[in-house]
Amino acid sequence: MYDRVADLPLHVEDCAFELRERATSSGFDRATTTVVLSGGGETGRGEDVTYTNEAHYALADHAVDLSGEYTLDSFSAVLDDADLWPEPPDEERFYHYRRWAFESAALDLALKQADTSLGAALGREYDPVSFVVSTRLAESEDDDPPTTDRLDALLDVHDELAFKLDPTPDWSDDLLTALAAYDVRVLDLKGLYETEGVEVTVDADFYRRVVDALPDALIEDPNLTDETRPVFDGREDRVTWDVPITGVESVEALPFEPEWLNMKPSRCGTVESVLETVAHCETRGIRLYGGGQFELGVGREHIQALASLCYADAPNDVAPGGYNDPDPSPDVPASPLAPPSDPSGIGVGFGDPDK
């Protein structure tokens, strides 16, 4: 797949940054940076989804000179030594997140300069994109246990939504029984995060209660220990991975061959790694679904575009950004998202009939 885009000519005249910020339904303020590359009368965009807001503030005033004539592949090689970080990131994974912003902006620009789209370059059609809504469950103002109130509020917006949820040990058996009435496609155990405030307790009893209560849901990122591994005996086909997936080598290093994986381009970093990983999984019969990073701008449409081309019918965690708002507007599109009628570059305008 990468060979189809690697030799695209790329002319870069200018590099600029656009900062965005927004409150989210998960209780934190999100900042991202759109990397804007321009040249030859065209503009390409990519989004840096680094989770440290200060890193975006520092980048806003940082000068990065990438002007020149390239192929997409040679531009990627130049990025290996480019000064993309005024200050070192808090976490190693953020290097990939920012790299993807520059790489996707370059791919977007190269495709537009060639007057084509990613779909045309790969020989694939943009299909309608099915999505799930990823959300935390609502808690009452009296600090009572989590409830299904958030799901009910979202179903008031669109009554056929499916969900990706983040279980926590305080989920009662009654809550799990109630959740069986909802269309829950993925349960993210977050067992492999080390970030404070994101990681979830690794406990075999907790895992078993969740896995047994929602038998049709995929189980993402369990932490497999001597105690938790037996929970998944005979149910390996439900286990899927997100945090470890950074390229083909990471797929091959998993404890067993998966049936499903969460594809987040930002985790892979480069266009080459993203497309090689997709191709590897297609060859091995590993099914993919798209994953999001609370994108605020074009990055959301880029992950929608990749899903549209490669895994459109999967439980894609690529819902329009409006679903991340504390109170989603009734105007947010329903699933599936209609593809753009006249795509260019990577492809933007999903769910918008006028694009």
Protein backbone atom coordinates (compact mmCIF):
# COMPACT_ATOMS: atom_id res chain seq x y z
CA MET A 1 0.00 0.00 0.00
CA TYR A 2 2.78 2.43 0.85
CA ASP A 3 4.39 1.95 -2.56
CA ARG A 4 1.29 3.53 -4.10
CA VAL A 5 1.98 6.87 -2.41
CA ALA A 6 5.69 6.86 -1.50
CA ASP A 7 6.85 8.46 -4.76
CA LEU A 8 4.23 11.22 -4.90
CA PRO A 9 6.00 14.54 -5.61
CA LEU A 10 5.75 17.05 -2.77
CA HIS A 11 6.48 20.78 -2.96
CA VAL A 12 6.54 22.58 0.42
CA GLU A 13 6.74 26.36 0.69
CA ASP A 14 5.52 27.02 4.21
CA CYS A 15 4.75 25.34 7.54
CA ALA A 16 2.30 26.86 10.03
CA PHE A 17 0.43 25.79 13.17
CA GLU A 18 -3.17 26.26 14.29
CA LEU A 19 -4.01 25.70 17.98
CA ARG A 20 -7.45 24.41 19.04
CA GLU A 21 -8.91 23.89 22.51
CA ARG A 22 -12.22 22.46 23.76
CA ALA A 23 -13.77 20.98 26.89
CA THR A 24 -14.61 17.26 26.58
CA SER A 25 -17.23 14.93 27.99
CA SER A 26 -14.44 13.10 29.87
CA GLY A 27 -13.84 16.04 32.15
CA PHE A 28 -10.67 17.61 30.77
CA ASP A 29 -9.78 20.47 28.45
CA ARG A 30 -8.28 19.22 25.19
CA ALA A 31 -5.73 21.07 23.08
CA THR A 32 -4.44 19.93 19.68
CA THR A 33 -2.36 21.52 16.94
CA THR A 34 -3.12 21.42 13.24
CA VAL A 35 0.06 21.29 11.16
CA VAL A 36 -0.49 23.24 7.94
CA LEU A 37 1.86 22.61 5.00
CA SER A 38 1.37 24.68 1.87
CA GLY A 39 2.86 24.84 -1.59
CA GLY A 40 1.88 25.19 -5.24
CA GLY A 41 -1.43 26.81 -4.33
CA GLU A 42 -2.53 23.82 -2.20
CA THR A 43 -2.70 23.20 1.54
CA GLY A 44 -2.30 19.95 3.46
CA ARG A 45 -3.29 19.48 7.08
CA GLY A 46 -2.58 17.01 9.86
CA GLU A 47 -3.37 17.05 13.58
CA ASP A 48 -1.03 16.59 16.53
CA VAL A 49 -2.96 14.80 19.29
CA THR A 50 -0.32 15.02 22.03
CA TYR A 51 -2.12 15.09 25.38
CA THR A 52 0.04 17.71 27.15
CA ASN A 53 -1.53 21.09 26.47
CA GLU A 54 1.72 22.91 27.26
CA ALA A 55 3.40 21.05 24.39
CA HIS A 56 0.92 22.63 21.98
CA TYR A 57 1.43 26.12 23.44
CA ALA A 58 5.19 25.74 22.95
CA LEU A 59 4.79 24.57 19.35
CA ALA A 60 2.59 27.54 18.40
CA ASP A 61 5.57 29.93 18.33
CA HIS A 62 8.12 27.40 17.08
CA ALA A 63 9.61 27.83 13.60
CA VAL A 64 10.04 24.67 11.51
CA ASP A 65 11.54 25.17 8.04
CA LEU A 66 10.56 22.26 5.79
CA SER A 67 10.51 24.12 2.48
CA GLY A 68 11.81 22.17 -0.48
CA GLU A 69 11.14 19.60 -3.19
CA TYR A 70 10.56 16.02 -2.11
CA THR A 71 8.79 12.79 -2.67
CA LEU A 72 6.49 11.79 0.18
CA ASP A 73 9.08 9.17 1.17
CA SER A 74 12.05 11.56 1.13
CA PHE A 75 10.06 14.12 3.15
CA SER A 76 9.46 11.44 5.77
CA ALA A 77 13.20 10.81 5.91
CA VAL A 78 13.85 14.53 6.48
CA LEU A 79 11.43 14.46 9.43
CA ASP A 80 13.72 11.97 11.16
CA ASP A 81 16.10 14.83 11.93
CA ALA A 82 13.71 17.81 11.94
CA ASP A 83 13.36 19.94 15.07
CA LEU A 84 9.68 19.27 15.84
CA TRP A 85 9.88 19.69 19.63
CA PRO A 86 10.85 22.98 21.29
CA GLU A 87 10.85 21.00 24.54
CA PRO A 88 11.01 17.20 24.95
CA PRO A 89 7.57 15.56 25.35
CA ASP A 90 6.32 14.18 28.65
CA GLU A 91 5.87 10.70 27.18
CA GLU A 92 7.74 8.79 24.51
CA ARG A 93 4.54 7.98 22.58
CA PHE A 94 3.98 11.67 21.90
CA TYR A 95 6.87 11.63 19.43
CA HIS A 96 4.69 9.45 17.19
CA TYR A 97 1.64 11.65 17.70
CA ARG A 98 3.40 14.78 16.46
CA ARG A 99 5.18 12.89 13.69
CA TRP A 100 1.80 11.70 12.38
CA ALA A 101 0.59 15.30 12.22
CA PHE A 102 3.45 16.26 9.90
CA GLU A 103 3.28 13.03 7.90
CA SER A 104 -0.48 13.21 7.35
CA ALA A 105 -0.23 16.89 6.40
CA ALA A 106 2.43 15.97 3.84
CA LEU A 107 0.34 13.10 2.46
CA ASP A 108 -2.70 15.38 2.24
CA LEU A 109 -0.68 18.06 0.41
CA ALA A 110 1.04 15.64 -1.98
CA LEU A 111 -2.29 14.08 -2.96
CA LYS A 112 -3.84 17.49 -3.59
CA GLN A 113 -0.84 18.63 -5.64
CA ALA A 114 -1.30 15.49 -7.73
CA ASP A 115 -5.02 16.33 -8.07
CA THR A 116 -6.06 13.03 -6.54
CA SER A 117 -7.31 11.45 -3.31
CA LEU A 118 -6.00 8.75 -1.00
CA GLY A 119 -8.78 6.45 -2.21
CA ALA A 120 -7.80 6.89 -5.84
CA ALA A 121 -4.11 6.44 -5.03
CA LEU A 122 -4.82 3.19 -3.18
CA GLY A 123 -7.36 1.99 -5.73
CA ARG A 124 -10.16 1.90 -3.15
CA GLU A 125 -13.62 3.43 -2.79
CA TYR A 126 -14.74 5.62 0.10
CA ASP A 127 -17.57 3.66 1.77
CA PRO A 128 -20.03 4.84 4.44
CA VAL A 129 -18.37 4.61 7.86
CA SER A 130 -20.05 2.83 10.77
CA PHE A 131 -19.05 4.22 14.15
CA VAL A 132 -19.52 3.70 17.87
CA VAL A 133 -19.60 6.46 20.47
CA SER A 134 -16.90 6.19 23.10
CA THR A 135 -17.99 7.61 26.42
CA ARG A 136 -17.70 7.32 30.15
CA LEU A 137 -20.83 6.49 32.09
CA ALA A 138 -22.56 9.29 33.94
CA GLU A 139 -22.17 9.69 37.67
CA SER A 140 -24.73 11.43 39.84
CA GLU A 141 -24.05 14.73 41.57
CA ASP A 142 -24.24 12.88 44.91
CA ASP A 143 -21.22 10.68 44.05
CA ASP A 144 -23.43 7.65 43.59
CA PRO A 145 -22.08 4.83 41.38
CA PRO A 146 -22.00 5.20 37.57
CA THR A 147 -25.31 5.03 35.74
CA THR A 148 -26.52 4.67 32.17
CA ASP A 149 -27.72 8.29 32.09
CA ARG A 150 -25.03 9.34 29.60
CA LEU A 151 -26.04 6.56 27.20
CA ASP A 152 -29.68 7.51 27.47
CA ALA A 153 -28.85 11.14 26.74
CA LEU A 154 -26.91 10.12 23.63
CA LEU A 155 -29.73 7.86 22.48
CA ASP A 156 -32.01 10.87 22.72
CA VAL A 157 -29.81 12.41 20.02
CA HIS A 158 -29.85 9.29 17.79
CA ASP A 159 -31.74 6.20 18.91
CA GLU A 160 -29.62 3.58 17.12
CA LEU A 161 -26.17 4.41 18.46
CA ALA A 162 -23.65 1.73 19.43
CA PHE A 163 -21.07 2.30 22.16
CA LYS A 164 -17.51 1.76 23.29
CA LEU A 165 -17.27 1.94 27.09
CA ASP A 166 -14.48 2.08 29.68
CA PRO A 167 -15.39 -0.32 32.53
CA THR A 168 -14.16 0.41 36.04
CA PRO A 169 -14.18 -1.83 39.14
CA ASP A 170 -17.03 0.18 40.69
CA TRP A 171 -19.43 -1.07 38.00
CA SER A 172 -21.99 -3.08 39.95
CA ASP A 173 -23.58 -6.31 38.77
CA ASP A 174 -26.86 -4.41 38.45
CA LEU A 175 -25.23 -1.87 36.14
CA LEU A 176 -23.70 -4.62 34.02
CA THR A 177 -27.11 -6.27 33.74
CA ALA A 178 -28.61 -2.95 32.64
CA LEU A 179 -25.89 -2.46 30.03
CA ALA A 180 -26.88 -5.70 28.33
CA ALA A 181 -29.89 -3.80 26.94
CA TYR A 182 -27.58 -1.40 25.06
CA ASP A 183 -25.57 -2.00 21.88
CA VAL A 184 -22.12 -2.17 23.45
CA ARG A 185 -19.53 -3.22 20.87
CA VAL A 186 -16.20 -2.63 22.67
CA LEU A 187 -15.13 -2.58 26.33
CA ASP A 188 -11.80 -0.84 26.91
CA LEU A 189 -10.18 -2.19 30.07
CA LYS A 190 -7.28 0.29 29.76
CA GLY A 191 -5.05 -2.27 31.42
CA LEU A 192 -1.91 -1.18 29.58
CA TYR A 193 -1.93 2.55 30.27
CA GLU A 194 0.63 3.92 32.70
CA THR A 195 -0.60 7.52 32.60
CA GLU A 196 -1.90 8.72 35.96
CA GLY A 197 -5.67 9.09 35.93
CA VAL A 198 -6.11 6.86 32.87
CA GLU A 199 -4.95 3.46 34.09
CA VAL A 200 -7.56 1.07 35.52
CA THR A 201 -7.08 -1.53 38.26
CA VAL A 202 -6.00 -4.92 36.95
CA ASP A 203 -8.15 -7.49 38.73
CA ALA A 204 -9.24 -10.94 37.58
CA ASP A 205 -12.65 -10.80 39.28
CA PHE A 206 -13.39 -7.39 37.73
CA TYR A 207 -12.33 -8.66 34.30
CA ARG A 208 -14.45 -11.78 34.59
CA ARG A 209 -17.59 -9.90 35.67
CA VAL A 210 -17.32 -7.56 32.69
CA VAL A 211 -16.44 -10.24 30.14
CA ASP A 212 -19.26 -12.52 31.28
CA ALA A 213 -21.91 -9.80 31.51
CA LEU A 214 -21.46 -8.51 27.94
CA PRO A 215 -20.56 -11.58 25.91
CA ASP A 216 -20.86 -9.94 22.48
CA ALA A 217 -18.45 -7.06 23.16
CA LEU A 218 -14.80 -6.98 22.15
CA ILE A 219 -12.40 -6.61 25.10
CA GLU A 220 -9.67 -4.05 24.51
CA ASP A 221 -6.29 -3.87 26.24
CA PRO A 222 -6.56 -6.33 29.12
CA ASN A 223 -3.43 -6.65 31.18
CA LEU A 224 -2.65 -10.35 30.91
CA THR A 225 -1.11 -11.63 34.15
CA ASP A 226 -1.00 -15.08 35.72
CA GLU A 227 -4.27 -14.15 37.46
CA THR A 228 -6.12 -12.50 34.57
CA ARG A 229 -5.03 -14.68 31.63
CA PRO A 230 -7.45 -17.56 32.50
CA VAL A 231 -10.39 -15.14 32.17
CA PHE A 232 -9.79 -15.18 28.41
CA ASP A 233 -9.21 -18.90 27.91
CA GLY A 234 -11.37 -19.88 24.93
CA ARG A 235 -12.29 -16.23 24.39
CA GLU A 236 -9.12 -15.00 22.74
CA ASP A 237 -11.14 -14.04 19.66
CA ARG A 238 -12.76 -11.25 21.70
CA VAL A 239 -9.45 -9.74 22.84
CA THR A 240 -8.26 -6.69 20.93
CA TRP A 241 -5.34 -4.33 21.40
CA ASP A 242 -4.83 -0.58 21.16
CA VAL A 243 -1.97 0.83 23.24
CA PRO A 244 0.69 -1.67 22.03
CA ILE A 245 -0.05 -1.24 18.31
CA THR A 246 2.67 0.97 16.82
CA GLY A 247 3.45 -0.94 13.62
CA VAL A 248 3.86 -4.41 12.14
CA GLU A 249 6.48 -5.52 14.67
CA SER A 250 4.14 -4.70 17.54
CA VAL A 251 1.40 -6.84 15.98
CA GLU A 252 3.81 -9.77 15.65
CA ALA A 253 4.88 -9.34 19.29
CA LEU A 254 1.39 -9.80 20.76
CA PRO A 255 0.89 -12.78 23.11
CA PHE A 256 -1.35 -14.51 20.56
CA GLU A 257 -2.54 -13.73 17.04
CA PRO A 258 -5.53 -11.41 17.38
CA GLU A 259 -8.84 -11.46 15.56
CA TRP A 260 -9.24 -7.68 15.99
CA LEU A 261 -7.03 -4.62 16.49
CA ASN A 262 -7.63 -0.93 17.09
CA MET A 263 -5.88 1.11 14.37
CA LYS A 264 -4.82 4.57 15.54
CA PRO A 265 -2.55 6.15 12.92
CA SER A 266 -1.07 8.51 15.49
CA ARG A 267 0.36 5.54 17.41
CA CYS A 268 2.27 4.40 14.31
CA GLY A 269 3.69 7.82 13.51
CA THR A 270 4.52 7.51 9.82
CA VAL A 271 2.42 6.99 6.71
CA GLU A 272 4.62 4.03 5.87
CA SER A 273 4.02 2.35 9.22
CA VAL A 274 0.26 2.96 9.07
CA LEU A 275 -0.21 1.54 5.58
CA GLU A 276 2.16 -1.38 6.15
CA THR A 277 0.28 -2.30 9.33
CA VAL A 278 -3.09 -2.17 7.55
CA ALA A 279 -1.73 -4.31 4.71
CA HIS A 280 -0.18 -6.80 7.14
CA CYS A 281 -3.46 -7.21 9.01
CA GLU A 282 -5.46 -7.62 5.81
CA THR A 283 -3.04 -10.34 4.67
CA ARG A 284 -3.30 -12.18 8.00
CA GLY A 285 -7.08 -11.87 8.25
CA ILE A 286 -6.86 -9.60 11.30
CA ARG A 287 -9.86 -7.27 11.38
CA LEU A 288 -9.33 -3.61 12.19
CA TYR A 289 -11.47 -0.82 13.60
CA GLY A 290 -10.53 2.84 13.79
CA GLY A 291 -9.65 4.58 17.02
CA GLY A 292 -9.76 8.24 18.00
CA GLN A 293 -7.68 10.51 20.22
CA PHE A 294 -10.13 13.32 20.99
CA GLU A 295 -9.21 15.05 17.74
CA LEU A 296 -10.58 18.56 17.44
CA GLY A 297 -9.92 19.17 13.76
CA VAL A 298 -8.91 17.49 10.53
CA GLY A 299 -7.38 14.52 12.33
CA ARG A 300 -10.88 13.22 13.02
CA GLU A 301 -11.76 13.25 9.34
CA HIS A 302 -8.47 11.56 8.50
CA ILE A 303 -9.23 8.58 10.75
CA GLN A 304 -12.73 8.50 9.25
CA ALA A 305 -11.20 8.46 5.77
CA LEU A 306 -8.88 5.56 6.62
CA ALA A 307 -11.79 3.63 8.11
CA SER A 308 -13.88 4.38 5.03
CA LEU A 309 -11.22 2.91 2.75
CA CYS A 310 -10.10 -0.06 4.83
CA TYR A 311 -12.61 -1.13 7.54
CA ALA A 312 -15.83 0.78 7.02
CA ASP A 313 -18.19 -1.77 8.63
CA ALA A 314 -16.21 -2.21 11.87
CA PRO A 315 -17.07 -0.77 15.31
CA ASN A 316 -15.01 2.33 14.54
CA ASP A 317 -14.32 4.71 17.41
CA VAL A 318 -14.37 7.61 14.94
CA ALA A 319 -17.65 9.32 15.81
CA PRO A 320 -17.84 13.00 14.82
CA GLY A 321 -16.16 15.23 17.37
CA GLY A 322 -19.50 16.66 18.49
CA TYR A 323 -20.13 13.45 20.43
CA ASN A 324 -17.22 14.40 22.72
CA ASP A 325 -18.99 17.59 23.79
CA PRO A 326 -20.55 17.49 27.26
CA ASP A 327 -23.94 18.11 25.62
CA PRO A 328 -23.90 16.89 22.00
CA SER A 329 -25.95 18.90 19.52
CA PRO A 330 -28.93 17.14 17.90
CA ASP A 331 -27.31 18.08 14.58
CA VAL A 332 -24.44 15.59 14.93
CA PRO A 333 -24.61 12.96 12.17
CA ALA A 334 -25.88 9.44 12.81
CA SER A 335 -24.00 6.26 11.90
CA PRO A 336 -23.01 5.44 9.22
CA LEU A 337 -21.26 8.58 8.02
CA ALA A 338 -21.72 9.35 4.34
CA PRO A 339 -18.38 9.68 2.51
CA PRO A 340 -17.50 12.94 0.72
CA SER A 341 -18.95 13.26 -2.76
CA ASP A 342 -15.76 14.71 -4.27
CA PRO A 343 -12.81 13.72 -2.07
CA SER A 344 -9.34 15.19 -2.48
CA GLY A 345 -6.22 14.68 -0.42
CA ILE A 346 -6.72 12.18 2.38
CA GLY A 347 -10.43 12.94 2.27
CA VAL A 348 -12.54 15.22 4.46
CA GLY A 349 -16.23 15.99 4.74
CA PHE A 350 -17.62 12.76 6.18
CA GLY A 351 -21.26 13.07 7.13
CA ASP A 352 -21.54 16.38 5.24
CA PRO A 353 -23.51 16.03 1.99
CA ASP A 354 -22.13 19.35 0.76
CA LYS A 355 -18.52 18.14 0.68
